[in-house]
Amino acid sequence: MIPQRPKGRTFPLKNEEMDGLSYYVISGCSREIAFLKFIRPDFIGSKATAAVKGAVSQFFAMKEVKDYIEAYSETVKGLLEHKPEPVDHSGTLEERKARAKAKATEFAIGLANDIDKADDPEFVLKLMDKVGLLGGGDEIAEEPRRYLPVSCSRCEYRKFVEENCDRIEDGTEIE
């Protein structure tokens, strides 16, 4: 979005004059057109073109007007020359993942601050949950458990069977 006024300064000019000067800088129109459209529309259609040209010259010769044009030109120039920050692709995969997670967390926090104005609050909540802001991220993953088999001499099932079966004298067992 193009700013209406130069950033960081105030000028002792009327709003109509600043609008006309902003239009002059942005559109590149002639001084006379900007002057007649915004500052002195009562001069439109005037037959006294010498008087109009004199008024235009006087207006644009004012120090405040020159300062405003210069400041607004710099503001627009800075806006047009603004380049996005380069993306850092250096580092190991783990470092890049950590940077991405930090950015996602900052983004989620920014959305959460204005959740009452959000179009889709459910999306904000899902994003917050994904980055671990809703409390579920404190759970510690349990390491897998490995069970080694017991040898037959120490097997509890074998002991149960041997203790609860009646032996027949010929060596066969019955229940």
C-alpha atoms as a PDB file:
ATOM      1  CA  MET A   1       0.000   0.000   0.000  1.00  0.00           C
ATOM      2  CA  ILE A   2       1.326   3.423  -0.904  1.00  0.00           C
ATOM      3  CA  PRO A   3       1.489   5.779   2.095  1.00  0.00           C
ATOM      4  CA  GLN A   4      -0.429   9.045   1.800  1.00  0.00           C
ATOM      5  CA  ARG A   5       2.231  11.134   3.514  1.00  0.00           C
ATOM      6  CA  PRO A   6       6.003  11.048   3.929  1.00  0.00           C
ATOM      7  CA  LYS A   7       7.043   8.908   6.847  1.00  0.00           C
ATOM      8  CA  GLY A   8       8.464  10.455   9.957  1.00  0.00           C
ATOM      9  CA  ARG A   9       7.768  14.151   9.236  1.00  0.00           C
ATOM     10  CA  THR A  10       4.980  16.687   9.446  1.00  0.00           C
ATOM     11  CA  PHE A  11       4.564  19.681   7.167  1.00  0.00           C
ATOM     12  CA  PRO A  12       2.772  23.015   7.645  1.00  0.00           C
ATOM     13  CA  LEU A  13       0.586  22.443   4.578  1.00  0.00           C
ATOM     14  CA  LYS A  14      -3.161  21.938   4.197  1.00  0.00           C
ATOM     15  CA  ASN A  15      -4.460  18.428   3.514  1.00  0.00           C
ATOM     16  CA  GLU A  16      -5.544  19.464   0.005  1.00  0.00           C
ATOM     17  CA  GLU A  17      -2.051  20.760  -0.743  1.00  0.00           C
ATOM     18  CA  MET A  18      -0.407  17.570   0.522  1.00  0.00           C
ATOM     19  CA  ASP A  19      -2.884  15.458  -1.482  1.00  0.00           C
ATOM     20  CA  GLY A  20      -2.054  17.431  -4.616  1.00  0.00           C
ATOM     21  CA  LEU A  21       1.668  17.097  -4.042  1.00  0.00           C
ATOM     22  CA  SER A  22       1.353  13.361  -3.370  1.00  0.00           C
ATOM     23  CA  TYR A  23      -0.624  13.013  -6.600  1.00  0.00           C
ATOM     24  CA  TYR A  24       2.058  15.042  -8.423  1.00  0.00           C
ATOM     25  CA  VAL A  25       4.834  12.717  -7.174  1.00  0.00           C
ATOM     26  CA  ILE A  26       3.006   9.448  -7.773  1.00  0.00           C
ATOM     27  CA  SER A  27       1.363  10.195 -11.118  1.00  0.00           C
ATOM     28  CA  GLY A  28       4.098  12.284 -12.682  1.00  0.00           C
ATOM     29  CA  CYS A  29       1.527  14.767 -13.977  1.00  0.00           C
ATOM     30  CA  SER A  30       2.319  18.410 -14.642  1.00  0.00           C
ATOM     31  CA  ARG A  31       2.417  20.939 -11.833  1.00  0.00           C
ATOM     32  CA  GLU A  32      -0.579  22.769 -13.294  1.00  0.00           C
ATOM     33  CA  ILE A  33      -2.806  19.670 -13.304  1.00  0.00           C
ATOM     34  CA  ALA A  34      -1.994  18.778  -9.673  1.00  0.00           C
ATOM     35  CA  PHE A  35      -2.457  22.414  -8.626  1.00  0.00           C
ATOM     36  CA  LEU A  36      -5.801  22.801 -10.393  1.00  0.00           C
ATOM     37  CA  LYS A  37      -7.271  19.447  -9.325  1.00  0.00           C
ATOM     38  CA  PHE A  38      -6.406  19.596  -5.651  1.00  0.00           C
ATOM     39  CA  ILE A  39      -5.214  23.005  -4.490  1.00  0.00           C
ATOM     40  CA  ARG A  40      -7.179  25.578  -6.485  1.00  0.00           C
ATOM     41  CA  PRO A  41     -10.039  23.895  -8.361  1.00  0.00           C
ATOM     42  CA  ASP A  42     -11.708  27.326  -8.602  1.00  0.00           C
ATOM     43  CA  PHE A  43      -9.105  28.285 -11.238  1.00  0.00           C
ATOM     44  CA  ILE A  44     -10.273  25.542 -13.640  1.00  0.00           C
ATOM     45  CA  GLY A  45     -11.631  27.114 -16.791  1.00  0.00           C
ATOM     46  CA  SER A  46     -10.079  30.440 -15.958  1.00  0.00           C
ATOM     47  CA  LYS A  47      -9.073  32.535 -18.937  1.00  0.00           C
ATOM     48  CA  ALA A  48      -6.272  34.174 -17.003  1.00  0.00           C
ATOM     49  CA  THR A  49      -3.670  31.501 -17.749  1.00  0.00           C
ATOM     50  CA  ALA A  50      -0.854  33.881 -16.832  1.00  0.00           C
ATOM     51  CA  ALA A  51      -2.351  34.254 -13.347  1.00  0.00           C
ATOM     52  CA  VAL A  52      -2.692  30.456 -13.024  1.00  0.00           C
ATOM     53  CA  LYS A  53       0.907  29.927 -14.117  1.00  0.00           C
ATOM     54  CA  GLY A  54       2.073  32.537 -11.645  1.00  0.00           C
ATOM     55  CA  ALA A  55       0.144  30.903  -8.784  1.00  0.00           C
ATOM     56  CA  VAL A  56       1.555  27.491  -9.724  1.00  0.00           C
ATOM     57  CA  SER A  57       5.097  28.869  -9.818  1.00  0.00           C
ATOM     58  CA  GLN A  58       4.677  30.603  -6.476  1.00  0.00           C
ATOM     59  CA  PHE A  59       3.203  27.506  -4.832  1.00  0.00           C
ATOM     60  CA  PHE A  60       5.905  25.150  -6.075  1.00  0.00           C
ATOM     61  CA  ALA A  61       8.629  27.638  -5.128  1.00  0.00           C
ATOM     62  CA  MET A  62       7.728  27.471  -1.425  1.00  0.00           C
ATOM     63  CA  LYS A  63      10.319  25.754   0.779  1.00  0.00           C
ATOM     64  CA  GLU A  64       7.675  23.590   2.526  1.00  0.00           C
ATOM     65  CA  VAL A  65       6.402  22.357  -0.843  1.00  0.00           C
ATOM     66  CA  LYS A  66       9.916  21.486  -2.033  1.00  0.00           C
ATOM     67  CA  ASP A  67      10.635  19.684   1.245  1.00  0.00           C
ATOM     68  CA  TYR A  68       7.354  17.758   1.000  1.00  0.00           C
ATOM     69  CA  ILE A  69       8.030  16.680  -2.599  1.00  0.00           C
ATOM     70  CA  GLU A  70      11.536  15.554  -1.690  1.00  0.00           C
ATOM     71  CA  ALA A  71      10.403  13.651   1.413  1.00  0.00           C
ATOM     72  CA  TYR A  72       7.478  11.978  -0.331  1.00  0.00           C
ATOM     73  CA  SER A  73       9.656  11.039  -3.310  1.00  0.00           C
ATOM     74  CA  GLU A  74      12.080   9.344  -0.921  1.00  0.00           C
ATOM     75  CA  THR A  75       9.214   7.516   0.793  1.00  0.00           C
ATOM     76  CA  VAL A  76       7.863   6.199  -2.509  1.00  0.00           C
ATOM     77  CA  LYS A  77      11.353   5.342  -3.738  1.00  0.00           C
ATOM     78  CA  GLY A  78      12.045   3.371  -0.562  1.00  0.00           C
ATOM     79  CA  LEU A  79       8.765   1.537  -0.994  1.00  0.00           C
ATOM     80  CA  LEU A  80       9.549   0.594  -4.587  1.00  0.00           C
ATOM     81  CA  GLU A  81      13.107  -0.461  -3.813  1.00  0.00           C
ATOM     82  CA  HIS A  82      12.127  -2.575  -0.807  1.00  0.00           C
ATOM     83  CA  LYS A  83      13.498  -6.066  -1.309  1.00  0.00           C
ATOM     84  CA  PRO A  84      12.492  -9.013   0.838  1.00  0.00           C
ATOM     85  CA  GLU A  85      15.082 -10.453   3.173  1.00  0.00           C
ATOM     86  CA  PRO A  86      17.028 -13.289   1.600  1.00  0.00           C
ATOM     87  CA  VAL A  87      16.139 -16.748   2.858  1.00  0.00           C
ATOM     88  CA  ASP A  88      18.988 -18.445   4.687  1.00  0.00           C
ATOM     89  CA  HIS A  89      19.450 -21.958   3.292  1.00  0.00           C
ATOM     90  CA  SER A  90      22.758 -22.531   5.041  1.00  0.00           C
ATOM     91  CA  GLY A  91      23.348 -24.802   7.979  1.00  0.00           C
ATOM     92  CA  THR A  92      22.536 -28.378   8.725  1.00  0.00           C
ATOM     93  CA  LEU A  93      19.124 -29.858   8.313  1.00  0.00           C
ATOM     94  CA  GLU A  94      18.541 -29.754  12.069  1.00  0.00           C
ATOM     95  CA  GLU A  95      19.434 -26.030  12.236  1.00  0.00           C
ATOM     96  CA  ARG A  96      17.083 -25.244   9.355  1.00  0.00           C
ATOM     97  CA  LYS A  97      14.298 -27.254  11.025  1.00  0.00           C
ATOM     98  CA  ALA A  98      14.847 -25.341  14.263  1.00  0.00           C
ATOM     99  CA  ARG A  99      14.652 -21.985  12.418  1.00  0.00           C
ATOM    100  CA  ALA A 100      11.486 -23.093  10.593  1.00  0.00           C
ATOM    101  CA  LYS A 101       9.874 -24.214  13.854  1.00  0.00           C
ATOM    102  CA  ALA A 102      10.772 -20.910  15.523  1.00  0.00           C
ATOM    103  CA  LYS A 103       9.223 -18.958  12.636  1.00  0.00           C
ATOM    104  CA  ALA A 104       6.088 -21.118  12.695  1.00  0.00           C
ATOM    105  CA  THR A 105       5.800 -20.581  16.450  1.00  0.00           C
ATOM    106  CA  GLU A 106       6.152 -16.799  16.062  1.00  0.00           C
ATOM    107  CA  PHE A 107       3.524 -16.843  13.303  1.00  0.00           C
ATOM    108  CA  ALA A 108       1.135 -18.881  15.468  1.00  0.00           C
ATOM    109  CA  ILE A 109       1.631 -16.539  18.420  1.00  0.00           C
ATOM    110  CA  GLY A 110       0.941 -13.536  16.175  1.00  0.00           C
ATOM    111  CA  LEU A 111      -2.287 -15.132  14.974  1.00  0.00           C
ATOM    112  CA  ALA A 112      -3.262 -16.110  18.511  1.00  0.00           C
ATOM    113  CA  ASN A 113      -2.921 -12.524  19.708  1.00  0.00           C
ATOM    114  CA  ASP A 114      -5.702 -11.534  17.281  1.00  0.00           C
ATOM    115  CA  ILE A 115      -7.749 -14.755  17.377  1.00  0.00           C
ATOM    116  CA  ASP A 116     -10.938 -12.808  18.124  1.00  0.00           C
ATOM    117  CA  LYS A 117     -10.541 -11.024  14.758  1.00  0.00           C
ATOM    118  CA  ALA A 118      -9.557 -14.165  12.799  1.00  0.00           C
ATOM    119  CA  ASP A 119     -11.737 -15.413   9.953  1.00  0.00           C
ATOM    120  CA  ASP A 120     -11.036 -19.030  10.931  1.00  0.00           C
ATOM    121  CA  PRO A 121     -10.232 -19.370  14.667  1.00  0.00           C
ATOM    122  CA  GLU A 122     -10.192 -23.158  14.333  1.00  0.00           C
ATOM    123  CA  PHE A 123      -7.196 -22.880  11.976  1.00  0.00           C
ATOM    124  CA  VAL A 124      -5.377 -20.762  14.555  1.00  0.00           C
ATOM    125  CA  LEU A 125      -6.032 -23.362  17.251  1.00  0.00           C
ATOM    126  CA  LYS A 126      -4.848 -26.210  15.004  1.00  0.00           C
ATOM    127  CA  LEU A 127      -1.675 -24.309  14.153  1.00  0.00           C
ATOM    128  CA  MET A 128      -1.034 -23.566  17.825  1.00  0.00           C
ATOM    129  CA  ASP A 129      -1.504 -27.260  18.631  1.00  0.00           C
ATOM    130  CA  LYS A 130       0.879 -28.293  15.846  1.00  0.00           C
ATOM    131  CA  VAL A 131       3.688 -26.076  17.129  1.00  0.00           C
ATOM    132  CA  GLY A 132       3.075 -27.272  20.706  1.00  0.00           C
ATOM    133  CA  LEU A 133       1.561 -24.156  22.262  1.00  0.00           C
ATOM    134  CA  LEU A 134      -1.526 -25.874  23.682  1.00  0.00           C
ATOM    135  CA  GLY A 135       0.190 -28.055  26.281  1.00  0.00           C
ATOM    136  CA  GLY A 136       0.282 -31.418  24.510  1.00  0.00           C
ATOM    137  CA  GLY A 137       3.914 -30.945  23.592  1.00  0.00           C
ATOM    138  CA  ASP A 138       5.247 -31.668  27.128  1.00  0.00           C
ATOM    139  CA  GLU A 139       4.667 -35.416  26.874  1.00  0.00           C
ATOM    140  CA  ILE A 140       7.820 -37.489  26.793  1.00  0.00           C
ATOM    141  CA  ALA A 141       7.946 -40.345  24.345  1.00  0.00           C
ATOM    142  CA  GLU A 142       8.558 -43.662  26.072  1.00  0.00           C
ATOM    143  CA  GLU A 143      11.400 -45.748  24.764  1.00  0.00           C
ATOM    144  CA  PRO A 144      10.389 -49.089  23.280  1.00  0.00           C
ATOM    145  CA  ARG A 145      10.502 -51.970  25.721  1.00  0.00           C
ATOM    146  CA  ARG A 146      12.217 -55.190  24.755  1.00  0.00           C
ATOM    147  CA  TYR A 147      11.382 -58.454  26.473  1.00  0.00           C
ATOM    148  CA  LEU A 148      13.791 -61.340  26.333  1.00  0.00           C
ATOM    149  CA  PRO A 149      12.380 -64.856  26.527  1.00  0.00           C
ATOM    150  CA  VAL A 150      12.990 -66.870  29.678  1.00  0.00           C
ATOM    151  CA  SER A 151      14.784 -70.187  29.366  1.00  0.00           C
ATOM    152  CA  CYS A 152      12.680 -73.323  29.808  1.00  0.00           C
ATOM    153  CA  SER A 153      14.105 -74.128  33.221  1.00  0.00           C
ATOM    154  CA  ARG A 154      12.820 -70.788  34.590  1.00  0.00           C
ATOM    155  CA  CYS A 155       9.522 -70.691  32.630  1.00  0.00           C
ATOM    156  CA  GLU A 156       6.527 -69.990  34.890  1.00  0.00           C
ATOM    157  CA  TYR A 157       4.119 -71.818  32.564  1.00  0.00           C
ATOM    158  CA  ARG A 158       6.207 -74.990  32.654  1.00  0.00           C
ATOM    159  CA  LYS A 159       6.360 -74.853  36.458  1.00  0.00           C
ATOM    160  CA  PHE A 160       2.565 -74.443  36.659  1.00  0.00           C
ATOM    161  CA  VAL A 161       1.948 -77.404  34.395  1.00  0.00           C
ATOM    162  CA  GLU A 162       4.388 -79.630  36.277  1.00  0.00           C
ATOM    163  CA  GLU A 163       2.962 -78.720  39.673  1.00  0.00           C
ATOM    164  CA  ASN A 164      -0.691 -79.124  38.720  1.00  0.00           C
ATOM    165  CA  CYS A 165      -0.566 -82.360  36.781  1.00  0.00           C
ATOM    166  CA  ASP A 166      -0.799 -85.822  38.318  1.00  0.00           C
ATOM    167  CA  ARG A 167       1.876 -88.272  37.250  1.00  0.00           C
ATOM    168  CA  ILE A 168       1.044 -91.757  36.217  1.00  0.00           C
ATOM    169  CA  GLU A 169       3.476 -94.336  37.244  1.00  0.00           C
ATOM    170  CA  ASP A 170       4.338 -95.433  33.749  1.00  0.00           C
ATOM    171  CA  GLY A 171       5.684 -91.909  33.092  1.00  0.00           C
ATOM    172  CA  THR A 172       2.704 -90.414  31.277  1.00  0.00           C
ATOM    173  CA  GLU A 173       1.009 -87.440  32.715  1.00  0.00           C
ATOM    174  CA  ILE A 174      -2.728 -86.769  33.086  1.00  0.00           C
ATOM    175  CA  GLU A 175      -4.624 -83.788  34.243  1.00  0.00           C
END
